[in-house]
Amino acid sequence: MRLVIDRTVAEKFPGLHLAGKVIRGLEVSYEKIDTLLRLKEEIYGGVREKYTLESLKDQSLFRAYRDFFWKLGIDPTKIRPASEALVRRILQGKEIPSINPIVDTYNLASIRSGIPMAAFDLDKMQGTPVMKFATKGEEFFGIGMTVPLVLKGHEVVISDEKGLIAIYPYRDSDRTKITENTENILLLVCGVPGVERNILEKAERIATEYIEGICGGRREELIIAE
């Protein structure tokens, strides 16, 4: 499978890299819930040892995503990069809501690596996904939204032949969300300028190992056409 980064995005944001995998044959079951809970406790403990609420803003990795958000016209103090938001909840003593084993598992990989991630149900997608700038007036229906968001045209989005599947790198569409019936996914490890490719690839390995350990499946290459 291929994902294409449009030339306009590549020129606007040099050094923006992505990583990811296609994983097929997943089984969304709760037979390994104890394994998932042990992994969760281990990662939560690591977060509490590594970070404090006061130190998060000074972490270079989180700072790179904040800087990218500012360039997109998004205030990262109001809409936080996903990985930072998850870490912040742990440090605040709040529980991270459980969605299903696939989502919960790649969220744990995001927490451990500090890299935002997204996953899409392949069977709900059509054609080659493309990262591009939104068209002004384009509508996006995100997970949990009751009315669509009308885009201004400066947003970076990912689209397939049916329409938008994500506002990059922080909101996914309702159409392609992961459910308990999902069997095949596109896992995307979301990079920004300043985050090297090898860091993304390490995060990808963590996520695929976690997902396959809990939900099985077999991975296939995702070719990023930059």
N, C-alpha and C. Protein backbone atom coordinates (compact mmCIF):
# COMPACT_ATOMS: atom_id res chain seq x y z
N MET A 1 0.85 -1.19 0.00
CA MET A 1 0.00 0.00 0.00
C MET A 1 0.88 1.24 0.00
N ARG A 2 0.38 2.31 -0.64
CA ARG A 2 1.11 3.56 -0.72
C ARG A 2 0.32 4.67 -0.04
N LEU A 3 1.05 5.63 0.53
CA LEU A 3 0.47 6.89 0.97
C LEU A 3 1.30 7.99 0.34
N VAL A 4 0.64 8.94 -0.29
CA VAL A 4 1.33 10.00 -1.04
C VAL A 4 1.28 11.31 -0.28
N ILE A 5 2.43 11.94 -0.13
CA ILE A 5 2.48 13.29 0.43
C ILE A 5 2.50 14.28 -0.73
N ASP A 6 1.48 15.10 -0.83
CA ASP A 6 1.37 16.07 -1.92
C ASP A 6 2.56 17.04 -1.89
N ARG A 7 2.98 17.44 -3.08
CA ARG A 7 4.15 18.32 -3.21
C ARG A 7 4.00 19.62 -2.43
N THR A 8 2.79 20.17 -2.39
CA THR A 8 2.59 21.44 -1.69
C THR A 8 2.85 21.32 -0.19
N VAL A 9 2.49 20.18 0.38
CA VAL A 9 2.76 19.95 1.81
C VAL A 9 4.25 19.73 2.02
N ALA A 10 4.87 18.93 1.17
CA ALA A 10 6.30 18.65 1.30
C ALA A 10 7.13 19.93 1.19
N GLU A 11 6.73 20.84 0.32
CA GLU A 11 7.47 22.09 0.15
C GLU A 11 7.24 23.05 1.31
N LYS A 12 6.03 23.06 1.84
CA LYS A 12 5.69 23.93 2.97
C LYS A 12 6.37 23.45 4.25
N PHE A 13 6.49 22.13 4.42
CA PHE A 13 7.03 21.56 5.65
C PHE A 13 8.16 20.58 5.34
N PRO A 14 9.32 21.09 4.90
CA PRO A 14 10.44 20.18 4.65
C PRO A 14 10.86 19.49 5.95
N GLY A 15 11.20 18.23 5.84
CA GLY A 15 11.57 17.47 7.02
C GLY A 15 10.40 16.79 7.69
N LEU A 16 9.22 16.88 7.10
CA LEU A 16 8.05 16.18 7.63
C LEU A 16 8.07 14.75 7.10
N HIS A 17 8.23 13.80 7.99
CA HIS A 17 8.27 12.39 7.61
C HIS A 17 7.13 11.64 8.29
N LEU A 18 6.76 10.52 7.69
CA LEU A 18 5.75 9.62 8.26
C LEU A 18 6.32 8.21 8.29
N ALA A 19 5.71 7.39 9.12
CA ALA A 19 6.00 5.96 9.10
C ALA A 19 4.67 5.24 9.31
N GLY A 20 4.67 3.95 9.09
CA GLY A 20 3.42 3.22 9.29
C GLY A 20 3.49 1.82 8.75
N LYS A 21 2.42 1.11 8.98
CA LYS A 21 2.30 -0.26 8.50
C LYS A 21 0.84 -0.56 8.20
N VAL A 22 0.62 -1.52 7.33
CA VAL A 22 -0.68 -2.15 7.16
C VAL A 22 -0.64 -3.42 8.01
N ILE A 23 -1.68 -3.63 8.82
CA ILE A 23 -1.77 -4.85 9.62
C ILE A 23 -3.10 -5.52 9.30
N ARG A 24 -3.03 -6.76 8.86
CA ARG A 24 -4.23 -7.49 8.45
C ARG A 24 -4.48 -8.68 9.38
N GLY A 25 -5.74 -9.12 9.40
CA GLY A 25 -6.10 -10.31 10.15
C GLY A 25 -6.15 -10.11 11.64
N LEU A 26 -6.49 -8.91 12.09
CA LEU A 26 -6.58 -8.64 13.51
C LEU A 26 -7.84 -9.25 14.11
N GLU A 27 -7.75 -9.60 15.37
CA GLU A 27 -8.91 -10.10 16.10
C GLU A 27 -9.12 -9.22 17.33
N VAL A 28 -10.21 -8.49 17.32
CA VAL A 28 -10.50 -7.59 18.45
C VAL A 28 -11.23 -8.39 19.51
N SER A 29 -10.45 -9.01 20.38
CA SER A 29 -11.02 -9.79 21.47
C SER A 29 -10.43 -9.31 22.78
N TYR A 30 -11.03 -9.76 23.89
CA TYR A 30 -10.57 -9.34 25.21
C TYR A 30 -9.92 -10.50 25.96
N GLU A 31 -9.48 -11.52 25.21
CA GLU A 31 -8.86 -12.67 25.84
C GLU A 31 -7.53 -12.32 26.51
N LYS A 32 -6.85 -11.30 25.97
CA LYS A 32 -5.55 -10.90 26.52
C LYS A 32 -5.64 -9.60 27.29
N ILE A 33 -6.79 -9.34 27.90
CA ILE A 33 -6.99 -8.09 28.62
C ILE A 33 -6.01 -7.98 29.79
N ASP A 34 -5.68 -9.09 30.43
CA ASP A 34 -4.73 -9.04 31.54
C ASP A 34 -3.35 -8.59 31.06
N THR A 35 -2.94 -9.07 29.89
CA THR A 35 -1.67 -8.64 29.30
C THR A 35 -1.69 -7.15 29.01
N LEU A 36 -2.81 -6.69 28.47
CA LEU A 36 -2.96 -5.27 28.14
C LEU A 36 -2.90 -4.41 29.41
N LEU A 37 -3.54 -4.88 30.47
CA LEU A 37 -3.55 -4.12 31.72
C LEU A 37 -2.16 -4.07 32.35
N ARG A 38 -1.41 -5.15 32.25
CA ARG A 38 -0.04 -5.15 32.78
C ARG A 38 0.84 -4.19 31.99
N LEU A 39 0.67 -4.19 30.68
CA LEU A 39 1.43 -3.28 29.83
C LEU A 39 1.08 -1.83 30.17
N LYS A 40 -0.19 -1.59 30.38
CA LYS A 40 -0.65 -0.25 30.74
C LYS A 40 0.01 0.23 32.03
N GLU A 41 0.01 -0.61 33.05
CA GLU A 41 0.61 -0.22 34.33
C GLU A 41 2.10 0.04 34.20
N GLU A 42 2.77 -0.77 33.39
CA GLU A 42 4.21 -0.59 33.17
C GLU A 42 4.49 0.76 32.50
N ILE A 43 3.70 1.08 31.48
CA ILE A 43 3.93 2.32 30.73
C ILE A 43 3.54 3.54 31.56
N TYR A 44 2.44 3.45 32.30
CA TYR A 44 2.05 4.55 33.18
C TYR A 44 3.15 4.83 34.20
N GLY A 45 3.73 3.77 34.76
CA GLY A 45 4.80 3.95 35.73
C GLY A 45 6.01 4.62 35.11
N GLY A 46 6.33 4.25 33.88
CA GLY A 46 7.45 4.87 33.19
C GLY A 46 7.23 6.35 32.94
N VAL A 47 6.00 6.72 32.62
CA VAL A 47 5.66 8.13 32.40
C VAL A 47 5.87 8.94 33.68
N ARG A 48 5.41 8.40 34.79
CA ARG A 48 5.52 9.12 36.06
C ARG A 48 6.98 9.28 36.49
N GLU A 49 7.83 8.33 36.10
CA GLU A 49 9.25 8.44 36.43
C GLU A 49 9.97 9.43 35.51
N LYS A 50 9.51 9.53 34.28
CA LYS A 50 10.24 10.31 33.26
C LYS A 50 9.83 11.77 33.23
N TYR A 51 8.55 12.07 33.45
CA TYR A 51 8.04 13.43 33.25
C TYR A 51 7.40 13.99 34.51
N THR A 52 7.25 15.31 34.50
CA THR A 52 6.36 16.03 35.41
C THR A 52 5.51 16.96 34.56
N LEU A 53 4.41 17.41 35.09
CA LEU A 53 3.56 18.34 34.34
C LEU A 53 4.34 19.60 33.96
N GLU A 54 5.21 20.04 34.84
CA GLU A 54 5.95 21.27 34.60
C GLU A 54 7.01 21.09 33.51
N SER A 55 7.54 19.87 33.37
CA SER A 55 8.63 19.65 32.42
C SER A 55 8.17 19.34 31.01
N LEU A 56 6.89 19.04 30.82
CA LEU A 56 6.42 18.60 29.50
C LEU A 56 6.69 19.63 28.41
N LYS A 57 6.42 20.90 28.72
CA LYS A 57 6.55 21.94 27.69
C LYS A 57 7.99 22.11 27.22
N ASP A 58 8.95 21.61 28.01
CA ASP A 58 10.36 21.76 27.66
C ASP A 58 10.94 20.53 26.96
N GLN A 59 10.15 19.48 26.82
CA GLN A 59 10.62 18.29 26.13
C GLN A 59 10.70 18.56 24.63
N SER A 60 11.86 18.31 24.03
CA SER A 60 12.06 18.68 22.62
C SER A 60 11.09 17.98 21.69
N LEU A 61 10.75 16.73 22.00
CA LEU A 61 9.82 15.99 21.14
C LEU A 61 8.44 16.63 21.15
N PHE A 62 7.91 16.91 22.33
CA PHE A 62 6.61 17.54 22.42
C PHE A 62 6.64 18.95 21.85
N ARG A 63 7.76 19.64 22.03
CA ARG A 63 7.90 20.99 21.49
C ARG A 63 7.81 21.00 19.97
N ALA A 64 8.36 19.98 19.31
CA ALA A 64 8.30 19.92 17.85
C ALA A 64 6.85 19.86 17.36
N TYR A 65 6.01 19.08 18.06
CA TYR A 65 4.60 18.99 17.67
C TYR A 65 3.85 20.27 17.98
N ARG A 66 4.19 20.90 19.11
CA ARG A 66 3.56 22.19 19.44
C ARG A 66 3.90 23.23 18.37
N ASP A 67 5.16 23.27 17.96
CA ASP A 67 5.57 24.23 16.94
C ASP A 67 4.83 24.00 15.63
N PHE A 68 4.65 22.74 15.28
CA PHE A 68 3.92 22.41 14.04
C PHE A 68 2.47 22.87 14.15
N PHE A 69 1.86 22.65 15.29
CA PHE A 69 0.48 23.10 15.49
C PHE A 69 0.37 24.61 15.32
N TRP A 70 1.31 25.36 15.90
CA TRP A 70 1.27 26.81 15.74
C TRP A 70 1.33 27.20 14.27
N LYS A 71 2.18 26.52 13.50
CA LYS A 71 2.32 26.83 12.07
C LYS A 71 1.03 26.54 11.31
N LEU A 72 0.22 25.61 11.82
CA LEU A 72 -1.06 25.28 11.19
C LEU A 72 -2.17 26.21 11.65
N GLY A 73 -1.86 27.10 12.60
CA GLY A 73 -2.89 27.99 13.14
C GLY A 73 -3.70 27.34 14.25
N ILE A 74 -3.15 26.30 14.87
CA ILE A 74 -3.82 25.59 15.97
C ILE A 74 -3.09 25.93 17.27
N ASP A 75 -3.83 26.34 18.27
CA ASP A 75 -3.24 26.66 19.56
C ASP A 75 -3.03 25.36 20.35
N PRO A 76 -1.76 24.91 20.52
CA PRO A 76 -1.52 23.62 21.18
C PRO A 76 -1.73 23.65 22.68
N THR A 77 -2.03 24.81 23.25
CA THR A 77 -2.40 24.85 24.66
C THR A 77 -3.89 24.57 24.84
N LYS A 78 -4.64 24.62 23.73
CA LYS A 78 -6.08 24.31 23.77
C LYS A 78 -6.38 22.97 23.12
N ILE A 79 -5.74 22.71 21.99
CA ILE A 79 -5.84 21.40 21.33
C ILE A 79 -4.43 20.82 21.35
N ARG A 80 -4.18 19.93 22.27
CA ARG A 80 -2.82 19.43 22.46
C ARG A 80 -2.50 18.27 21.50
N PRO A 81 -1.24 18.18 21.08
CA PRO A 81 -0.83 17.00 20.31
C PRO A 81 -1.19 15.74 21.09
N ALA A 82 -1.64 14.71 20.37
CA ALA A 82 -2.26 13.54 21.00
C ALA A 82 -1.37 12.86 22.03
N SER A 83 -0.11 12.66 21.70
CA SER A 83 0.76 11.95 22.63
C SER A 83 0.98 12.76 23.91
N GLU A 84 1.16 14.08 23.76
CA GLU A 84 1.31 14.93 24.94
C GLU A 84 0.04 14.92 25.79
N ALA A 85 -1.11 14.95 25.12
CA ALA A 85 -2.38 14.94 25.86
C ALA A 85 -2.53 13.67 26.68
N LEU A 86 -2.14 12.53 26.11
CA LEU A 86 -2.23 11.26 26.84
C LEU A 86 -1.29 11.25 28.04
N VAL A 87 -0.06 11.70 27.83
CA VAL A 87 0.91 11.75 28.92
C VAL A 87 0.42 12.70 30.02
N ARG A 88 -0.12 13.82 29.62
CA ARG A 88 -0.61 14.82 30.58
C ARG A 88 -1.73 14.22 31.45
N ARG A 89 -2.63 13.44 30.85
CA ARG A 89 -3.71 12.83 31.62
C ARG A 89 -3.15 11.89 32.69
N ILE A 90 -2.15 11.12 32.33
CA ILE A 90 -1.54 10.21 33.30
C ILE A 90 -0.94 10.98 34.47
N LEU A 91 -0.22 12.05 34.16
CA LEU A 91 0.42 12.85 35.20
C LEU A 91 -0.59 13.57 36.08
N GLN A 92 -1.77 13.82 35.53
CA GLN A 92 -2.84 14.45 36.30
C GLN A 92 -3.63 13.44 37.12
N GLY A 93 -3.27 12.17 37.00
CA GLY A 93 -3.97 11.13 37.75
C GLY A 93 -5.30 10.74 37.15
N LYS A 94 -5.52 11.09 35.89
CA LYS A 94 -6.77 10.77 35.22
C LYS A 94 -6.64 9.47 34.44
N GLU A 95 -7.75 8.79 34.27
CA GLU A 95 -7.77 7.55 33.50
C GLU A 95 -7.91 7.89 32.02
N ILE A 96 -7.25 7.11 31.17
CA ILE A 96 -7.42 7.25 29.73
C ILE A 96 -8.54 6.31 29.31
N PRO A 97 -9.60 6.84 28.70
CA PRO A 97 -10.75 6.00 28.36
C PRO A 97 -10.35 4.81 27.49
N SER A 98 -10.93 3.65 27.77
CA SER A 98 -10.71 2.46 26.95
C SER A 98 -11.68 2.47 25.77
N ILE A 99 -11.14 2.29 24.56
CA ILE A 99 -11.98 2.27 23.35
C ILE A 99 -12.19 0.83 22.89
N ASN A 100 -11.13 0.19 22.49
CA ASN A 100 -11.11 -1.24 22.17
C ASN A 100 -9.65 -1.65 22.13
N PRO A 101 -9.34 -2.95 22.11
CA PRO A 101 -7.94 -3.37 22.24
C PRO A 101 -6.99 -2.79 21.21
N ILE A 102 -7.43 -2.58 19.97
CA ILE A 102 -6.52 -2.01 18.97
C ILE A 102 -6.17 -0.58 19.33
N VAL A 103 -7.18 0.24 19.55
CA VAL A 103 -6.95 1.65 19.87
C VAL A 103 -6.19 1.79 21.18
N ASP A 104 -6.60 1.03 22.19
CA ASP A 104 -5.93 1.12 23.49
C ASP A 104 -4.45 0.77 23.36
N THR A 105 -4.14 -0.20 22.53
CA THR A 105 -2.76 -0.67 22.40
C THR A 105 -1.90 0.35 21.68
N TYR A 106 -2.37 0.93 20.57
CA TYR A 106 -1.52 1.91 19.91
C TYR A 106 -1.47 3.22 20.70
N ASN A 107 -2.46 3.49 21.52
CA ASN A 107 -2.36 4.63 22.44
C ASN A 107 -1.21 4.43 23.43
N LEU A 108 -1.07 3.20 23.93
CA LEU A 108 0.04 2.92 24.84
C LEU A 108 1.38 3.08 24.13
N ALA A 109 1.46 2.67 22.87
CA ALA A 109 2.69 2.87 22.10
C ALA A 109 2.97 4.35 21.91
N SER A 110 1.93 5.13 21.70
CA SER A 110 2.08 6.58 21.56
C SER A 110 2.59 7.21 22.85
N ILE A 111 2.05 6.76 23.97
CA ILE A 111 2.49 7.26 25.27
C ILE A 111 3.97 6.93 25.50
N ARG A 112 4.34 5.70 25.24
CA ARG A 112 5.72 5.28 25.48
C ARG A 112 6.70 6.03 24.58
N SER A 113 6.35 6.19 23.30
CA SER A 113 7.27 6.79 22.33
C SER A 113 7.20 8.31 22.29
N GLY A 114 6.07 8.88 22.74
CA GLY A 114 5.87 10.32 22.63
C GLY A 114 5.42 10.77 21.25
N ILE A 115 5.11 9.83 20.37
CA ILE A 115 4.74 10.13 18.98
C ILE A 115 3.25 9.93 18.77
N PRO A 116 2.52 10.93 18.25
CA PRO A 116 1.11 10.72 17.94
C PRO A 116 0.93 9.65 16.86
N MET A 117 -0.13 8.86 17.00
CA MET A 117 -0.42 7.80 16.04
C MET A 117 -1.90 7.82 15.68
N ALA A 118 -2.20 7.26 14.54
CA ALA A 118 -3.59 7.13 14.10
C ALA A 118 -3.73 5.77 13.43
N ALA A 119 -4.95 5.24 13.42
CA ALA A 119 -5.21 3.99 12.70
C ALA A 119 -6.57 4.09 12.04
N PHE A 120 -6.67 3.50 10.87
CA PHE A 120 -7.88 3.58 10.06
C PHE A 120 -8.28 2.19 9.60
N ASP A 121 -9.57 1.95 9.56
CA ASP A 121 -10.10 0.67 9.11
C ASP A 121 -9.95 0.59 7.59
N LEU A 122 -9.08 -0.29 7.13
CA LEU A 122 -8.79 -0.40 5.69
C LEU A 122 -10.02 -0.75 4.87
N ASP A 123 -10.91 -1.54 5.44
CA ASP A 123 -12.07 -1.98 4.69
C ASP A 123 -13.09 -0.86 4.48
N LYS A 124 -12.88 0.26 5.15
CA LYS A 124 -13.75 1.42 4.97
C LYS A 124 -13.09 2.49 4.11
N MET A 125 -11.88 2.19 3.63
CA MET A 125 -11.14 3.13 2.79
C MET A 125 -11.22 2.70 1.33
N GLN A 126 -10.90 3.66 0.47
CA GLN A 126 -10.92 3.36 -0.96
C GLN A 126 -9.80 4.14 -1.65
N GLY A 127 -8.98 3.44 -2.41
CA GLY A 127 -7.93 4.11 -3.17
C GLY A 127 -6.71 4.45 -2.34
N THR A 128 -5.82 5.21 -2.94
CA THR A 128 -4.55 5.59 -2.31
C THR A 128 -4.75 6.84 -1.45
N PRO A 129 -4.42 6.77 -0.16
CA PRO A 129 -4.54 7.96 0.68
C PRO A 129 -3.49 9.00 0.32
N VAL A 130 -3.89 10.26 0.44
CA VAL A 130 -3.01 11.38 0.09
C VAL A 130 -3.02 12.40 1.22
N MET A 131 -1.82 12.86 1.61
CA MET A 131 -1.72 13.98 2.54
C MET A 131 -1.64 15.26 1.73
N LYS A 132 -2.51 16.22 2.03
CA LYS A 132 -2.59 17.43 1.24
C LYS A 132 -3.14 18.56 2.10
N PHE A 133 -3.22 19.75 1.53
CA PHE A 133 -3.92 20.83 2.21
C PHE A 133 -5.41 20.71 1.93
N ALA A 134 -6.21 21.05 2.92
CA ALA A 134 -7.66 21.00 2.75
C ALA A 134 -8.10 22.04 1.73
N THR A 135 -9.26 21.80 1.15
CA THR A 135 -9.92 22.77 0.29
C THR A 135 -10.83 23.64 1.15
N LYS A 136 -10.78 24.93 0.97
CA LYS A 136 -11.61 25.83 1.77
C LYS A 136 -13.09 25.46 1.60
N GLY A 137 -13.80 25.32 2.71
CA GLY A 137 -15.21 24.95 2.69
C GLY A 137 -15.46 23.46 2.76
N GLU A 138 -14.38 22.67 2.68
CA GLU A 138 -14.50 21.21 2.77
C GLU A 138 -15.00 20.82 4.15
N GLU A 139 -15.85 19.81 4.22
CA GLU A 139 -16.42 19.39 5.50
C GLU A 139 -15.75 18.12 6.00
N PHE A 140 -15.52 18.10 7.31
CA PHE A 140 -14.88 16.95 7.94
C PHE A 140 -15.74 16.48 9.10
N PHE A 141 -16.07 15.18 9.10
CA PHE A 141 -16.87 14.58 10.16
C PHE A 141 -15.96 13.71 11.02
N GLY A 142 -15.49 14.25 12.14
CA GLY A 142 -14.59 13.52 13.01
C GLY A 142 -15.31 12.61 13.97
N ILE A 143 -14.54 11.73 14.62
CA ILE A 143 -15.10 10.81 15.60
C ILE A 143 -15.76 11.60 16.72
N GLY A 144 -17.00 11.25 17.01
CA GLY A 144 -17.73 11.90 18.09
C GLY A 144 -18.39 13.21 17.73
N MET A 145 -18.23 13.67 16.50
CA MET A 145 -18.83 14.94 16.09
C MET A 145 -20.28 14.73 15.65
N THR A 146 -21.15 15.66 16.01
CA THR A 146 -22.55 15.59 15.60
C THR A 146 -22.82 16.47 14.38
N VAL A 147 -21.97 17.46 14.16
CA VAL A 147 -22.05 18.29 12.96
C VAL A 147 -20.65 18.37 12.37
N PRO A 148 -20.54 18.47 11.05
CA PRO A 148 -19.20 18.49 10.44
C PRO A 148 -18.47 19.80 10.71
N LEU A 149 -17.16 19.71 10.68
CA LEU A 149 -16.30 20.88 10.79
C LEU A 149 -16.02 21.40 9.39
N VAL A 150 -16.25 22.69 9.18
CA VAL A 150 -15.99 23.30 7.88
C VAL A 150 -14.56 23.83 7.89
N LEU A 151 -13.74 23.31 7.00
CA LEU A 151 -12.32 23.62 7.01
C LEU A 151 -12.02 24.94 6.29
N LYS A 152 -10.94 25.57 6.71
CA LYS A 152 -10.59 26.89 6.19
C LYS A 152 -9.62 26.83 5.02
N GLY A 153 -8.98 25.69 4.83
CA GLY A 153 -8.08 25.54 3.69
C GLY A 153 -6.61 25.51 4.06
N HIS A 154 -6.27 25.87 5.29
CA HIS A 154 -4.87 25.83 5.70
C HIS A 154 -4.52 24.54 6.44
N GLU A 155 -5.53 23.73 6.73
CA GLU A 155 -5.30 22.48 7.47
C GLU A 155 -4.61 21.44 6.58
N VAL A 156 -3.75 20.64 7.19
CA VAL A 156 -3.18 19.47 6.52
C VAL A 156 -4.12 18.30 6.78
N VAL A 157 -4.53 17.63 5.73
CA VAL A 157 -5.50 16.54 5.87
C VAL A 157 -5.00 15.30 5.14
N ILE A 158 -5.62 14.17 5.44
CA ILE A 158 -5.39 12.94 4.69
C ILE A 158 -6.72 12.52 4.10
N SER A 159 -6.71 12.21 2.82
CA SER A 159 -7.94 11.90 2.11
C SER A 159 -7.77 10.64 1.28
N ASP A 160 -8.87 9.88 1.14
CA ASP A 160 -8.88 8.80 0.16
C ASP A 160 -9.89 9.17 -0.92
N GLU A 161 -10.27 8.23 -1.77
CA GLU A 161 -11.17 8.55 -2.87
C GLU A 161 -12.59 8.87 -2.41
N LYS A 162 -12.93 8.46 -1.18
CA LYS A 162 -14.27 8.75 -0.65
C LYS A 162 -14.34 10.09 0.09
N GLY A 163 -13.18 10.63 0.47
CA GLY A 163 -13.18 11.88 1.21
C GLY A 163 -12.14 11.89 2.31
N LEU A 164 -12.27 12.81 3.25
CA LEU A 164 -11.28 13.00 4.29
C LEU A 164 -11.33 11.86 5.32
N ILE A 165 -10.13 11.43 5.74
CA ILE A 165 -10.06 10.44 6.81
C ILE A 165 -9.36 10.99 8.05
N ALA A 166 -8.73 12.16 7.94
CA ALA A 166 -8.06 12.74 9.11
C ALA A 166 -7.72 14.19 8.88
N ILE A 167 -7.77 14.98 9.94
CA ILE A 167 -7.07 16.25 9.99
C ILE A 167 -5.75 15.95 10.68
N TYR A 168 -4.66 16.15 9.98
CA TYR A 168 -3.34 15.74 10.47
C TYR A 168 -2.78 16.78 11.42
N PRO A 169 -2.20 16.35 12.54
CA PRO A 169 -2.09 14.97 13.03
C PRO A 169 -2.92 14.75 14.28
N TYR A 170 -4.13 15.28 14.32
CA TYR A 170 -4.81 15.21 15.63
C TYR A 170 -6.26 14.77 15.62
N ARG A 171 -6.90 14.60 14.48
CA ARG A 171 -8.31 14.18 14.53
C ARG A 171 -8.61 13.23 13.37
N ASP A 172 -9.27 12.10 13.68
CA ASP A 172 -9.59 11.08 12.67
C ASP A 172 -11.07 11.10 12.36
N SER A 173 -11.40 10.61 11.18
CA SER A 173 -12.79 10.65 10.72
C SER A 173 -13.62 9.53 11.34
N ASP A 174 -14.91 9.79 11.44
CA ASP A 174 -15.83 8.78 11.96
C ASP A 174 -15.97 7.63 10.97
N ARG A 175 -15.88 7.92 9.68
CA ARG A 175 -16.10 6.90 8.66
C ARG A 175 -15.10 5.75 8.76
N THR A 176 -13.84 6.05 9.06
CA THR A 176 -12.80 5.02 9.03
C THR A 176 -12.30 4.64 10.43
N LYS A 177 -13.08 4.97 11.46
CA LYS A 177 -12.63 4.68 12.81
C LYS A 177 -12.54 3.17 13.07
N ILE A 178 -11.69 2.81 14.03
CA ILE A 178 -11.51 1.42 14.42
C ILE A 178 -12.64 1.00 15.35
N THR A 179 -13.26 -0.13 15.04
CA THR A 179 -14.33 -0.66 15.88
C THR A 179 -14.00 -2.11 16.26
N GLU A 180 -14.88 -2.73 17.01
CA GLU A 180 -14.65 -4.12 17.41
C GLU A 180 -14.82 -5.09 16.24
N ASN A 181 -15.32 -4.60 15.11
CA ASN A 181 -15.45 -5.44 13.91
C ASN A 181 -14.27 -5.27 12.96
N THR A 182 -13.34 -4.39 13.31
CA THR A 182 -12.20 -4.12 12.43
C THR A 182 -11.27 -5.32 12.35
N GLU A 183 -10.83 -5.64 11.14
CA GLU A 183 -9.90 -6.75 10.94
C GLU A 183 -8.59 -6.30 10.31
N ASN A 184 -8.64 -5.23 9.51
CA ASN A 184 -7.46 -4.77 8.77
C ASN A 184 -7.30 -3.26 8.98
N ILE A 185 -6.07 -2.83 9.29
CA ILE A 185 -5.88 -1.41 9.58
C ILE A 185 -4.69 -0.83 8.83
N LEU A 186 -4.77 0.48 8.64
CA LEU A 186 -3.62 1.29 8.27
C LEU A 186 -3.18 2.02 9.53
N LEU A 187 -1.99 1.70 10.02
CA LEU A 187 -1.42 2.36 11.20
C LEU A 187 -0.50 3.46 10.70
N LEU A 188 -0.70 4.66 11.20
CA LEU A 188 0.10 5.80 10.78
C LEU A 188 0.81 6.40 11.98
N VAL A 189 2.11 6.55 11.86
CA VAL A 189 2.94 7.17 12.89
C VAL A 189 3.25 8.58 12.41
N CYS A 190 2.75 9.56 13.12
CA CYS A 190 2.66 10.93 12.61
C CYS A 190 3.89 11.76 12.97
N GLY A 191 4.68 12.10 11.97
CA GLY A 191 5.85 12.93 12.18
C GLY A 191 5.59 14.39 11.87
N VAL A 192 6.51 15.22 12.32
CA VAL A 192 6.51 16.65 12.03
C VAL A 192 7.95 17.06 11.80
N PRO A 193 8.19 18.24 11.21
CA PRO A 193 9.57 18.70 11.06
C PRO A 193 10.28 18.73 12.41
N GLY A 194 11.51 18.26 12.42
CA GLY A 194 12.28 18.21 13.65
C GLY A 194 12.29 16.85 14.32
N VAL A 195 11.44 15.94 13.84
CA VAL A 195 11.41 14.57 14.37
C VAL A 195 11.97 13.65 13.29
N GLU A 196 13.11 13.07 13.56
CA GLU A 196 13.80 12.28 12.56
C GLU A 196 13.08 10.97 12.25
N ARG A 197 13.33 10.49 11.03
CA ARG A 197 12.66 9.28 10.55
C ARG A 197 12.92 8.07 11.45
N ASN A 198 14.15 7.96 11.98
CA ASN A 198 14.47 6.79 12.80
C ASN A 198 13.66 6.77 14.10
N ILE A 199 13.30 7.94 14.61
CA ILE A 199 12.46 8.01 15.81
C ILE A 199 11.06 7.50 15.49
N LEU A 200 10.54 7.86 14.31
CA LEU A 200 9.23 7.39 13.89
C LEU A 200 9.24 5.88 13.66
N GLU A 201 10.30 5.39 13.06
CA GLU A 201 10.39 3.96 12.79
C GLU A 201 10.46 3.15 14.08
N LYS A 202 11.15 3.68 15.09
CA LYS A 202 11.19 3.01 16.38
C LYS A 202 9.80 2.97 17.01
N ALA A 203 9.07 4.08 16.93
CA ALA A 203 7.71 4.14 17.45
C ALA A 203 6.80 3.16 16.71
N GLU A 204 7.01 3.04 15.41
CA GLU A 204 6.22 2.09 14.60
C GLU A 204 6.46 0.66 15.06
N ARG A 205 7.70 0.32 15.33
CA ARG A 205 8.01 -1.05 15.79
C ARG A 205 7.35 -1.34 17.13
N ILE A 206 7.38 -0.36 18.02
CA ILE A 206 6.73 -0.53 19.32
C ILE A 206 5.23 -0.78 19.11
N ALA A 207 4.60 0.03 18.28
CA ALA A 207 3.15 -0.08 18.07
C ALA A 207 2.77 -1.40 17.43
N THR A 208 3.50 -1.82 16.40
CA THR A 208 3.13 -3.06 15.72
C THR A 208 3.34 -4.27 16.63
N GLU A 209 4.40 -4.23 17.43
CA GLU A 209 4.63 -5.34 18.36
C GLU A 209 3.53 -5.41 19.42
N TYR A 210 3.11 -4.26 19.93
CA TYR A 210 2.04 -4.24 20.91
C TYR A 210 0.72 -4.74 20.30
N ILE A 211 0.39 -4.23 19.13
CA ILE A 211 -0.88 -4.60 18.49
C ILE A 211 -0.91 -6.09 18.19
N GLU A 212 0.17 -6.60 17.60
CA GLU A 212 0.20 -8.02 17.25
C GLU A 212 0.22 -8.90 18.50
N GLY A 213 0.83 -8.40 19.56
CA GLY A 213 0.87 -9.17 20.80
C GLY A 213 -0.50 -9.31 21.44
N ILE A 214 -1.36 -8.31 21.26
CA ILE A 214 -2.69 -8.32 21.86
C ILE A 214 -3.76 -8.81 20.89
N CYS A 215 -3.64 -8.44 19.61
CA CYS A 215 -4.71 -8.70 18.64
C CYS A 215 -4.28 -9.58 17.47
N GLY A 216 -3.05 -10.06 17.47
CA GLY A 216 -2.60 -10.91 16.38
C GLY A 216 -2.35 -10.10 15.12
N GLY A 217 -2.59 -10.72 13.97
CA GLY A 217 -2.43 -10.03 12.70
C GLY A 217 -1.06 -10.24 12.08
N ARG A 218 -0.94 -9.76 10.85
CA ARG A 218 0.32 -9.84 10.12
C ARG A 218 0.56 -8.49 9.44
N ARG A 219 1.77 -8.03 9.51
CA ARG A 219 2.06 -6.68 9.00
C ARG A 219 2.51 -6.71 7.55
N GLU A 220 2.20 -5.63 6.84
CA GLU A 220 2.64 -5.42 5.46
C GLU A 220 3.25 -4.03 5.35
N GLU A 221 4.12 -3.84 4.37
CA GLU A 221 4.79 -2.57 4.22
C GLU A 221 3.83 -1.47 3.76
N LEU A 222 4.06 -0.27 4.28
CA LEU A 222 3.40 0.93 3.79
C LEU A 222 4.47 1.78 3.13
N ILE A 223 4.30 2.09 1.87
CA ILE A 223 5.26 2.90 1.14
C ILE A 223 4.82 4.37 1.23
N ILE A 224 5.69 5.21 1.78
CA ILE A 224 5.40 6.64 1.88
C ILE A 224 6.07 7.33 0.70
N ALA A 225 5.29 7.87 -0.20
CA ALA A 225 5.81 8.59 -1.37
C ALA A 225 5.95 10.06 -1.02
N GLU A 226 7.16 10.46 -0.61
CA GLU A 226 7.41 11.84 -0.17
C GLU A 226 7.90 12.68 -1.33
